[in-house]
ModelCIF file with pLDDT and N, C-alpha, C, O atoms, coordinates in Angstrom:
data_MODEL
#
_entry.id   MODEL 
#
_entity.id                         1 
_entity.type                       polymer 
_entity.pdbx_number_of_molecules   1 
#
_entity_poly.entity_id                      1 
_entity_poly.type                           'polypeptide(L)' 
_entity_poly.nstd_linkage                   no 
_entity_poly.nstd_monomer                   no 
_entity_poly.pdbx_seq_one_letter_code       GKRKPHKETFEWVLNDMGYAPEDVLFIEDSPQHIEGAKKIN 
_entity_poly.pdbx_seq_one_letter_code_can   GKRKPHKETFEWVLNDMGYAPEDVLFIEDSPQHIEGAKKIN 
_entity_poly.pdbx_strand_id                 A 
#
loop_
_entity_poly_seq.entity_id 
_entity_poly_seq.num 
_entity_poly_seq.mon_id 
_entity_poly_seq.hetero 
1 1  GLY n 
1 2  LYS n 
1 3  ARG n 
1 4  LYS n 
1 5  PRO n 
1 6  HIS n 
1 7  LYS n 
1 8  GLU n 
1 9  THR n 
1 10 PHE n 
1 11 GLU n 
1 12 TRP n 
1 13 VAL n 
1 14 LEU n 
1 15 ASN n 
1 16 ASP n 
1 17 MET n 
1 18 GLY n 
1 19 TYR n 
1 20 ALA n 
1 21 PRO n 
1 22 GLU n 
1 23 ASP n 
1 24 VAL n 
1 25 LEU n 
1 26 PHE n 
1 27 ILE n 
1 28 GLU n 
1 29 ASP n 
1 30 SER n 
1 31 PRO n 
1 32 GLN n 
1 33 HIS n 
1 34 ILE n 
1 35 GLU n 
1 36 GLY n 
1 37 ALA n 
1 38 LYS n 
1 39 LYS n 
1 40 ILE n 
1 41 ASN n 
#
_struct_asym.id          A 
_struct_asym.entity_id   1 
#
loop_
_ma_qa_metric.id 
_ma_qa_metric.mode 
_ma_qa_metric.name 
_ma_qa_metric.software_group_id 
_ma_qa_metric.type 
1 global pLDDT . pLDDT 
2 local  pLDDT . pLDDT 
#
_ma_qa_metric_global.metric_id      1 
_ma_qa_metric_global.metric_value   96.88 
_ma_qa_metric_global.model_id       1 
_ma_qa_metric_global.ordinal_id     1 
#
loop_
_ma_qa_metric_local.label_asym_id 
_ma_qa_metric_local.label_comp_id 
_ma_qa_metric_local.label_seq_id 
_ma_qa_metric_local.metric_id 
_ma_qa_metric_local.metric_value 
_ma_qa_metric_local.model_id 
_ma_qa_metric_local.ordinal_id 
A GLY 1  2 98.00 1 1  
A LYS 2  2 97.00 1 2  
A ARG 3  2 96.00 1 3  
A LYS 4  2 96.00 1 4  
A PRO 5  2 96.00 1 5  
A HIS 6  2 96.00 1 6  
A LYS 7  2 96.00 1 7  
A GLU 8  2 97.00 1 8  
A THR 9  2 98.00 1 9  
A PHE 10 2 98.00 1 10 
A GLU 11 2 98.00 1 11 
A TRP 12 2 98.00 1 12 
A VAL 13 2 98.00 1 13 
A LEU 14 2 98.00 1 14 
A ASN 15 2 98.00 1 15 
A ASP 16 2 98.00 1 16 
A MET 17 2 98.00 1 17 
A GLY 18 2 98.00 1 18 
A TYR 19 2 98.00 1 19 
A ALA 20 2 97.00 1 20 
A PRO 21 2 97.00 1 21 
A GLU 22 2 95.00 1 22 
A ASP 23 2 97.00 1 23 
A VAL 24 2 98.00 1 24 
A LEU 25 2 97.00 1 25 
A PHE 26 2 98.00 1 26 
A ILE 27 2 98.00 1 27 
A GLU 28 2 97.00 1 28 
A ASP 29 2 96.00 1 29 
A SER 30 2 94.00 1 30 
A PRO 31 2 95.00 1 31 
A GLN 32 2 95.00 1 32 
A HIS 33 2 97.00 1 33 
A ILE 34 2 97.00 1 34 
A GLU 35 2 97.00 1 35 
A GLY 36 2 97.00 1 36 
A ALA 37 2 97.00 1 37 
A LYS 38 2 96.00 1 38 
A LYS 39 2 96.00 1 39 
A ILE 40 2 96.00 1 40 
A ASN 41 2 95.00 1 41 
#
loop_
_atom_site.group_PDB 
_atom_site.id 
_atom_site.type_symbol 
_atom_site.label_atom_id 
_atom_site.label_alt_id 
_atom_site.label_comp_id 
_atom_site.label_asym_id 
_atom_site.label_entity_id 
_atom_site.label_seq_id 
_atom_site.pdbx_PDB_ins_code 
_atom_site.Cartn_x 
_atom_site.Cartn_y 
_atom_site.Cartn_z 
_atom_site.occupancy 
_atom_site.B_iso_or_equiv 
_atom_site.pdbx_formal_charge 
_atom_site.auth_seq_id 
_atom_site.auth_comp_id 
_atom_site.auth_asym_id 
_atom_site.auth_atom_id 
_atom_site.pdbx_PDB_model_num 
ATOM 1   N N  . GLY A 1 1  ? -12.708 -6.612  1.356  1.00 98.00 ? 1  GLY A N  1 
ATOM 2   C CA . GLY A 1 1  ? -13.044 -6.306  2.750  1.00 98.00 ? 1  GLY A CA 1 
ATOM 3   C C  . GLY A 1 1  ? -11.998 -5.470  3.458  1.00 98.00 ? 1  GLY A C  1 
ATOM 4   O O  . GLY A 1 1  ? -11.910 -5.486  4.685  1.00 98.00 ? 1  GLY A O  1 
ATOM 5   N N  . LYS A 1 2  ? -11.201 -4.738  2.686  1.00 97.00 ? 2  LYS A N  1 
ATOM 6   C CA . LYS A 1 2  ? -10.141 -3.893  3.240  1.00 97.00 ? 2  LYS A CA 1 
ATOM 7   C C  . LYS A 1 2  ? -10.075 -2.614  2.430  1.00 97.00 ? 2  LYS A C  1 
ATOM 8   O O  . LYS A 1 2  ? -10.393 -2.599  1.241  1.00 97.00 ? 2  LYS A O  1 
ATOM 9   N N  . ARG A 1 3  ? -9.655  -1.533  3.093  1.00 96.00 ? 3  ARG A N  1 
ATOM 10  C CA . ARG A 1 3  ? -9.604  -0.258  2.389  1.00 96.00 ? 3  ARG A CA 1 
ATOM 11  C C  . ARG A 1 3  ? -8.346  0.518   2.753  1.00 96.00 ? 3  ARG A C  1 
ATOM 12  O O  . ARG A 1 3  ? -7.744  0.311   3.807  1.00 96.00 ? 3  ARG A O  1 
ATOM 13  N N  . LYS A 1 4  ? -7.969  1.417   1.849  1.00 96.00 ? 4  LYS A N  1 
ATOM 14  C CA . LYS A 1 4  ? -6.879  2.352   2.110  1.00 96.00 ? 4  LYS A CA 1 
ATOM 15  C C  . LYS A 1 4  ? -7.383  3.388   3.116  1.00 96.00 ? 4  LYS A C  1 
ATOM 16  O O  . LYS A 1 4  ? -8.585  3.654   3.130  1.00 96.00 ? 4  LYS A O  1 
ATOM 17  N N  . PRO A 1 5  ? -6.549  3.979   3.945  1.00 96.00 ? 5  PRO A N  1 
ATOM 18  C CA . PRO A 1 5  ? -5.073  3.945   3.925  1.00 96.00 ? 5  PRO A CA 1 
ATOM 19  C C  . PRO A 1 5  ? -4.452  2.966   4.914  1.00 96.00 ? 5  PRO A C  1 
ATOM 20  O O  . PRO A 1 5  ? -3.281  3.104   5.268  1.00 96.00 ? 5  PRO A O  1 
ATOM 21  N N  . HIS A 1 6  ? -5.234  1.965   5.368  1.00 96.00 ? 6  HIS A N  1 
ATOM 22  C CA . HIS A 1 6  ? -4.734  1.087   6.423  1.00 96.00 ? 6  HIS A CA 1 
ATOM 23  C C  . HIS A 1 6  ? -3.501  0.294   5.979  1.00 96.00 ? 6  HIS A C  1 
ATOM 24  O O  . HIS A 1 6  ? -3.467  -0.276  4.889  1.00 96.00 ? 6  HIS A O  1 
ATOM 25  N N  . LYS A 1 7  ? -2.526  0.275   6.826  1.00 96.00 ? 7  LYS A N  1 
ATOM 26  C CA . LYS A 1 7  ? -1.267  -0.428  6.573  1.00 96.00 ? 7  LYS A CA 1 
ATOM 27  C C  . LYS A 1 7  ? -1.512  -1.891  6.214  1.00 96.00 ? 7  LYS A C  1 
ATOM 28  O O  . LYS A 1 7  ? -0.866  -2.444  5.324  1.00 96.00 ? 7  LYS A O  1 
ATOM 29  N N  . GLU A 1 8  ? -2.457  -2.506  6.924  1.00 97.00 ? 8  GLU A N  1 
ATOM 30  C CA . GLU A 1 8  ? -2.752  -3.929  6.702  1.00 97.00 ? 8  GLU A CA 1 
ATOM 31  C C  . GLU A 1 8  ? -3.288  -4.175  5.292  1.00 97.00 ? 8  GLU A C  1 
ATOM 32  O O  . GLU A 1 8  ? -3.072  -5.246  4.724  1.00 97.00 ? 8  GLU A O  1 
ATOM 33  N N  . THR A 1 9  ? -3.982  -3.192  4.730  1.00 98.00 ? 9  THR A N  1 
ATOM 34  C CA . THR A 1 9  ? -4.521  -3.335  3.370  1.00 98.00 ? 9  THR A CA 1 
ATOM 35  C C  . THR A 1 9  ? -3.389  -3.423  2.361  1.00 98.00 ? 9  THR A C  1 
ATOM 36  O O  . THR A 1 9  ? -3.378  -4.303  1.500  1.00 98.00 ? 9  THR A O  1 
ATOM 37  N N  . PHE A 1 10 ? -2.438  -2.505  2.473  1.00 98.00 ? 10 PHE A N  1 
ATOM 38  C CA . PHE A 1 10 ? -1.303  -2.513  1.540  1.00 98.00 ? 10 PHE A CA 1 
ATOM 39  C C  . PHE A 1 10 ? -0.484  -3.796  1.695  1.00 98.00 ? 10 PHE A C  1 
ATOM 40  O O  . PHE A 1 10 ? -0.047  -4.376  0.700  1.00 98.00 ? 10 PHE A O  1 
ATOM 41  N N  . GLU A 1 11 ? -0.276  -4.239  2.927  1.00 98.00 ? 11 GLU A N  1 
ATOM 42  C CA . GLU A 1 11 ? 0.493   -5.467  3.167  1.00 98.00 ? 11 GLU A CA 1 
ATOM 43  C C  . GLU A 1 11 ? -0.205  -6.671  2.548  1.00 98.00 ? 11 GLU A C  1 
ATOM 44  O O  . GLU A 1 11 ? 0.441   -7.520  1.933  1.00 98.00 ? 11 GLU A O  1 
ATOM 45  N N  . TRP A 1 12 ? -1.516  -6.746  2.708  1.00 98.00 ? 12 TRP A N  1 
ATOM 46  C CA . TRP A 1 12 ? -2.286  -7.871  2.171  1.00 98.00 ? 12 TRP A CA 1 
ATOM 47  C C  . TRP A 1 12 ? -2.226  -7.885  0.647  1.00 98.00 ? 12 TRP A C  1 
ATOM 48  O O  . TRP A 1 12 ? -2.019  -8.934  0.038  1.00 98.00 ? 12 TRP A O  1 
ATOM 49  N N  . VAL A 1 13 ? -2.411  -6.703  0.027  1.00 98.00 ? 13 VAL A N  1 
ATOM 50  C CA . VAL A 1 13 ? -2.407  -6.603  -1.432 1.00 98.00 ? 13 VAL A CA 1 
ATOM 51  C C  . VAL A 1 13 ? -1.037  -6.962  -2.006 1.00 98.00 ? 13 VAL A C  1 
ATOM 52  O O  . VAL A 1 13 ? -0.950  -7.714  -2.977 1.00 98.00 ? 13 VAL A O  1 
ATOM 53  N N  . LEU A 1 14 ? 0.033   -6.427  -1.410 1.00 98.00 ? 14 LEU A N  1 
ATOM 54  C CA . LEU A 1 14 ? 1.384   -6.730  -1.903 1.00 98.00 ? 14 LEU A CA 1 
ATOM 55  C C  . LEU A 1 14 ? 1.703   -8.209  -1.769 1.00 98.00 ? 14 LEU A C  1 
ATOM 56  O O  . LEU A 1 14 ? 2.338   -8.796  -2.645 1.00 98.00 ? 14 LEU A O  1 
ATOM 57  N N  . ASN A 1 15 ? 1.264   -8.807  -0.678 1.00 98.00 ? 15 ASN A N  1 
ATOM 58  C CA . ASN A 1 15 ? 1.487   -10.250 -0.491 1.00 98.00 ? 15 ASN A CA 1 
ATOM 59  C C  . ASN A 1 15 ? 0.775   -11.042 -1.582 1.00 98.00 ? 15 ASN A C  1 
ATOM 60  O O  . ASN A 1 15 ? 1.327   -12.007 -2.112 1.00 98.00 ? 15 ASN A O  1 
ATOM 61  N N  . ASP A 1 16 ? -0.447  -10.638 -1.918 1.00 98.00 ? 16 ASP A N  1 
ATOM 62  C CA . ASP A 1 16 ? -1.191  -11.330 -2.966 1.00 98.00 ? 16 ASP A CA 1 
ATOM 63  C C  . ASP A 1 16 ? -0.562  -11.090 -4.337 1.00 98.00 ? 16 ASP A C  1 
ATOM 64  O O  . ASP A 1 16 ? -0.552  -11.982 -5.186 1.00 98.00 ? 16 ASP A O  1 
ATOM 65  N N  . MET A 1 17 ? -0.036  -9.877  -4.550 1.00 98.00 ? 17 MET A N  1 
ATOM 66  C CA . MET A 1 17 ? 0.648   -9.562  -5.804 1.00 98.00 ? 17 MET A CA 1 
ATOM 67  C C  . MET A 1 17 ? 1.962   -10.331 -5.934 1.00 98.00 ? 17 MET A C  1 
ATOM 68  O O  . MET A 1 17 ? 2.386   -10.673 -7.038 1.00 98.00 ? 17 MET A O  1 
ATOM 69  N N  . GLY A 1 18 ? 2.604   -10.601 -4.786 1.00 98.00 ? 18 GLY A N  1 
ATOM 70  C CA . GLY A 1 18 ? 3.873   -11.323 -4.795 1.00 98.00 ? 18 GLY A CA 1 
ATOM 71  C C  . GLY A 1 18 ? 5.085   -10.430 -4.972 1.00 98.00 ? 18 GLY A C  1 
ATOM 72  O O  . GLY A 1 18 ? 6.105   -10.855 -5.514 1.00 98.00 ? 18 GLY A O  1 
ATOM 73  N N  . TYR A 1 19 ? 4.971   -9.166  -4.507 1.00 98.00 ? 19 TYR A N  1 
ATOM 74  C CA . TYR A 1 19 ? 6.080   -8.223  -4.631 1.00 98.00 ? 19 TYR A CA 1 
ATOM 75  C C  . TYR A 1 19 ? 6.429   -7.615  -3.276 1.00 98.00 ? 19 TYR A C  1 
ATOM 76  O O  . TYR A 1 19 ? 5.577   -7.489  -2.396 1.00 98.00 ? 19 TYR A O  1 
ATOM 77  N N  . ALA A 1 20 ? 7.705   -7.239  -3.124 1.00 97.00 ? 20 ALA A N  1 
ATOM 78  C CA . ALA A 1 20 ? 8.146   -6.481  -1.965 1.00 97.00 ? 20 ALA A CA 1 
ATOM 79  C C  . ALA A 1 20 ? 7.791   -5.012  -2.197 1.00 97.00 ? 20 ALA A C  1 
ATOM 80  O O  . ALA A 1 20 ? 7.711   -4.579  -3.347 1.00 97.00 ? 20 ALA A O  1 
ATOM 81  N N  . PRO A 1 21 ? 7.575   -4.228  -1.117 1.00 97.00 ? 21 PRO A N  1 
ATOM 82  C CA . PRO A 1 21 ? 7.192   -2.810  -1.276 1.00 97.00 ? 21 PRO A CA 1 
ATOM 83  C C  . PRO A 1 21 ? 8.155   -2.007  -2.139 1.00 97.00 ? 21 PRO A C  1 
ATOM 84  O O  . PRO A 1 21 ? 7.727   -1.170  -2.934 1.00 97.00 ? 21 PRO A O  1 
ATOM 85  N N  . GLU A 1 22 ? 9.456   -2.258  -1.988 1.00 95.00 ? 22 GLU A N  1 
ATOM 86  C CA . GLU A 1 22 ? 10.439  -1.471  -2.735 1.00 95.00 ? 22 GLU A CA 1 
ATOM 87  C C  . GLU A 1 22 ? 10.418  -1.760  -4.240 1.00 95.00 ? 22 GLU A C  1 
ATOM 88  O O  . GLU A 1 22 ? 11.041  -1.041  -5.021 1.00 95.00 ? 22 GLU A O  1 
ATOM 89  N N  . ASP A 1 23 ? 9.700   -2.811  -4.642 1.00 97.00 ? 23 ASP A N  1 
ATOM 90  C CA . ASP A 1 23 ? 9.631   -3.169  -6.064 1.00 97.00 ? 23 ASP A CA 1 
ATOM 91  C C  . ASP A 1 23 ? 8.387   -2.600  -6.761 1.00 97.00 ? 23 ASP A C  1 
ATOM 92  O O  . ASP A 1 23 ? 8.197   -2.792  -7.962 1.00 97.00 ? 23 ASP A O  1 
ATOM 93  N N  . VAL A 1 24 ? 7.544   -1.899  -5.993 1.00 98.00 ? 24 VAL A N  1 
ATOM 94  C CA . VAL A 1 24 ? 6.252   -1.439  -6.520 1.00 98.00 ? 24 VAL A CA 1 
ATOM 95  C C  . VAL A 1 24 ? 6.129   0.079   -6.427 1.00 98.00 ? 24 VAL A C  1 
ATOM 96  O O  . VAL A 1 24 ? 6.557   0.684   -5.443 1.00 98.00 ? 24 VAL A O  1 
ATOM 97  N N  . LEU A 1 25 ? 5.541   0.691   -7.455 1.00 97.00 ? 25 LEU A N  1 
ATOM 98  C CA . LEU A 1 25 ? 5.208   2.115   -7.426 1.00 97.00 ? 25 LEU A CA 1 
ATOM 99  C C  . LEU A 1 25 ? 3.692   2.250   -7.311 1.00 97.00 ? 25 LEU A C  1 
ATOM 100 O O  . LEU A 1 25 ? 2.946   1.704   -8.124 1.00 97.00 ? 25 LEU A O  1 
ATOM 101 N N  . PHE A 1 26 ? 3.246   2.985   -6.290 1.00 98.00 ? 26 PHE A N  1 
ATOM 102 C CA . PHE A 1 26 ? 1.826   3.215   -6.036 1.00 98.00 ? 26 PHE A CA 1 
ATOM 103 C C  . PHE A 1 26 ? 1.462   4.614   -6.512 1.00 98.00 ? 26 PHE A C  1 
ATOM 104 O O  . PHE A 1 26 ? 2.052   5.599   -6.068 1.00 98.00 ? 26 PHE A O  1 
ATOM 105 N N  . ILE A 1 27 ? 0.484   4.701   -7.421 1.00 98.00 ? 27 ILE A N  1 
ATOM 106 C CA . ILE A 1 27 ? 0.066   5.981   -7.999 1.00 98.00 ? 27 ILE A CA 1 
ATOM 107 C C  . ILE A 1 27 ? -1.292  6.345   -7.425 1.00 98.00 ? 27 ILE A C  1 
ATOM 108 O O  . ILE A 1 27 ? -2.271  5.628   -7.636 1.00 98.00 ? 27 ILE A O  1 
ATOM 109 N N  . GLU A 1 28 ? -1.357  7.463   -6.695 1.00 97.00 ? 28 GLU A N  1 
ATOM 110 C CA . GLU A 1 28 ? -2.539  7.790   -5.880 1.00 97.00 ? 28 GLU A CA 1 
ATOM 111 C C  . GLU A 1 28 ? -2.713  9.301   -5.766 1.00 97.00 ? 28 GLU A C  1 
ATOM 112 O O  . GLU A 1 28 ? -1.731  10.042  -5.718 1.00 97.00 ? 28 GLU A O  1 
ATOM 113 N N  . ASP A 1 29 ? -3.982  9.760   -5.723 1.00 96.00 ? 29 ASP A N  1 
ATOM 114 C CA . ASP A 1 29 ? -4.245  11.200  -5.634 1.00 96.00 ? 29 ASP A CA 1 
ATOM 115 C C  . ASP A 1 29 ? -4.633  11.667  -4.234 1.00 96.00 ? 29 ASP A C  1 
ATOM 116 O O  . ASP A 1 29 ? -4.737  12.872  -4.006 1.00 96.00 ? 29 ASP A O  1 
ATOM 117 N N  . SER A 1 30 ? -4.851  10.749  -3.288 1.00 94.00 ? 30 SER A N  1 
ATOM 118 C CA . SER A 1 30 ? -5.249  11.133  -1.927 1.00 94.00 ? 30 SER A CA 1 
ATOM 119 C C  . SER A 1 30 ? -4.037  11.135  -1.000 1.00 94.00 ? 30 SER A C  1 
ATOM 120 O O  . SER A 1 30 ? -3.393  10.100  -0.831 1.00 94.00 ? 30 SER A O  1 
ATOM 121 N N  . PRO A 1 31 ? -3.713  12.284  -0.397 1.00 95.00 ? 31 PRO A N  1 
ATOM 122 C CA . PRO A 1 31 ? -2.516  12.364  0.464  1.00 95.00 ? 31 PRO A CA 1 
ATOM 123 C C  . PRO A 1 31 ? -2.537  11.392  1.625  1.00 95.00 ? 31 PRO A C  1 
ATOM 124 O O  . PRO A 1 31 ? -1.489  10.874  2.011  1.00 95.00 ? 31 PRO A O  1 
ATOM 125 N N  . GLN A 1 32 ? -3.722  11.128  2.199  1.00 95.00 ? 32 GLN A N  1 
ATOM 126 C CA . GLN A 1 32 ? -3.777  10.196  3.331  1.00 95.00 ? 32 GLN A CA 1 
ATOM 127 C C  . GLN A 1 32 ? -3.454  8.764   2.911  1.00 95.00 ? 32 GLN A C  1 
ATOM 128 O O  . GLN A 1 32 ? -2.925  7.982   3.700  1.00 95.00 ? 32 GLN A O  1 
ATOM 129 N N  . HIS A 1 33 ? -3.773  8.431   1.670  1.00 97.00 ? 33 HIS A N  1 
ATOM 130 C CA . HIS A 1 33 ? -3.455  7.096   1.170  1.00 97.00 ? 33 HIS A CA 1 
ATOM 131 C C  . HIS A 1 33 ? -1.975  6.978   0.822  1.00 97.00 ? 33 HIS A C  1 
ATOM 132 O O  . HIS A 1 33 ? -1.371  5.917   0.977  1.00 97.00 ? 33 HIS A O  1 
ATOM 133 N N  . ILE A 1 34 ? -1.406  8.077   0.353  1.00 97.00 ? 34 ILE A N  1 
ATOM 134 C CA . ILE A 1 34 ? 0.039   8.126   0.107  1.00 97.00 ? 34 ILE A CA 1 
ATOM 135 C C  . ILE A 1 34 ? 0.788   7.894   1.417  1.00 97.00 ? 34 ILE A C  1 
ATOM 136 O O  . ILE A 1 34 ? 1.751   7.128   1.461  1.00 97.00 ? 34 ILE A O  1 
ATOM 137 N N  . GLU A 1 35 ? 0.344   8.555   2.478  1.00 97.00 ? 35 GLU A N  1 
ATOM 138 C CA . GLU A 1 35 ? 0.995   8.398   3.780  1.00 97.00 ? 35 GLU A CA 1 
ATOM 139 C C  . GLU A 1 35 ? 0.863   6.973   4.292  1.00 97.00 ? 35 GLU A C  1 
ATOM 140 O O  . GLU A 1 35 ? 1.800   6.434   4.880  1.00 97.00 ? 35 GLU A O  1 
ATOM 141 N N  . GLY A 1 36 ? -0.300  6.356   4.073  1.00 97.00 ? 36 GLY A N  1 
ATOM 142 C CA . GLY A 1 36 ? -0.498  4.963   4.481  1.00 97.00 ? 36 GLY A CA 1 
ATOM 143 C C  . GLY A 1 36 ? 0.441   4.029   3.751  1.00 97.00 ? 36 GLY A C  1 
ATOM 144 O O  . GLY A 1 36 ? 0.981   3.093   4.341  1.00 97.00 ? 36 GLY A O  1 
ATOM 145 N N  . ALA A 1 37 ? 0.638   4.283   2.461  1.00 97.00 ? 37 ALA A N  1 
ATOM 146 C CA . ALA A 1 37 ? 1.536   3.450   1.653  1.00 97.00 ? 37 ALA A CA 1 
ATOM 147 C C  . ALA A 1 37 ? 2.984   3.597   2.107  1.00 97.00 ? 37 ALA A C  1 
ATOM 148 O O  . ALA A 1 37 ? 3.741   2.626   2.120  1.00 97.00 ? 37 ALA A O  1 
ATOM 149 N N  . LYS A 1 38 ? 3.359   4.811   2.479  1.00 96.00 ? 38 LYS A N  1 
ATOM 150 C CA . LYS A 1 38 ? 4.741   5.064   2.911  1.00 96.00 ? 38 LYS A CA 1 
ATOM 151 C C  . LYS A 1 38 ? 5.088   4.309   4.195  1.00 96.00 ? 38 LYS A C  1 
ATOM 152 O O  . LYS A 1 38 ? 6.256   4.021   4.454  1.00 96.00 ? 38 LYS A O  1 
ATOM 153 N N  . LYS A 1 39 ? 4.071   3.992   4.994  1.00 96.00 ? 39 LYS A N  1 
ATOM 154 C CA . LYS A 1 39 ? 4.309   3.291   6.254  1.00 96.00 ? 39 LYS A CA 1 
ATOM 155 C C  . LYS A 1 39 ? 4.848   1.876   6.041  1.00 96.00 ? 39 LYS A C  1 
ATOM 156 O O  . LYS A 1 39 ? 5.448   1.293   6.944  1.00 96.00 ? 39 LYS A O  1 
ATOM 157 N N  . ILE A 1 40 ? 4.631   1.332   4.851  1.00 96.00 ? 40 ILE A N  1 
ATOM 158 C CA . ILE A 1 40 ? 5.204   0.008   4.564  1.00 96.00 ? 40 ILE A CA 1 
ATOM 159 C C  . ILE A 1 40 ? 6.315   0.112   3.514  1.00 96.00 ? 40 ILE A C  1 
ATOM 160 O O  . ILE A 1 40 ? 6.715   -0.880  2.904  1.00 96.00 ? 40 ILE A O  1 
ATOM 161 N N  . ASN A 1 41 ? 6.802   1.352   3.321  1.00 95.00 ? 41 ASN A N  1 
ATOM 162 C CA . ASN A 1 41 ? 7.931   1.619   2.409  1.00 95.00 ? 41 ASN A CA 1 
ATOM 163 C C  . ASN A 1 41 ? 7.614   1.396   0.935  1.00 95.00 ? 41 ASN A C  1 
ATOM 164 O O  . ASN A 1 41 ? 8.479   1.588   0.082  1.00 95.00 ? 41 ASN A O  1 
#
């Protein structure tokens, strides 16, 4: 029930994964989604 590039989506997914943003590499082809991911570092 959540989609990229919303900041809340990345935060929710990382919390469920159990990792901090700096510990994860996000591989993506859409520039707007890259920008959304960068907002949470």
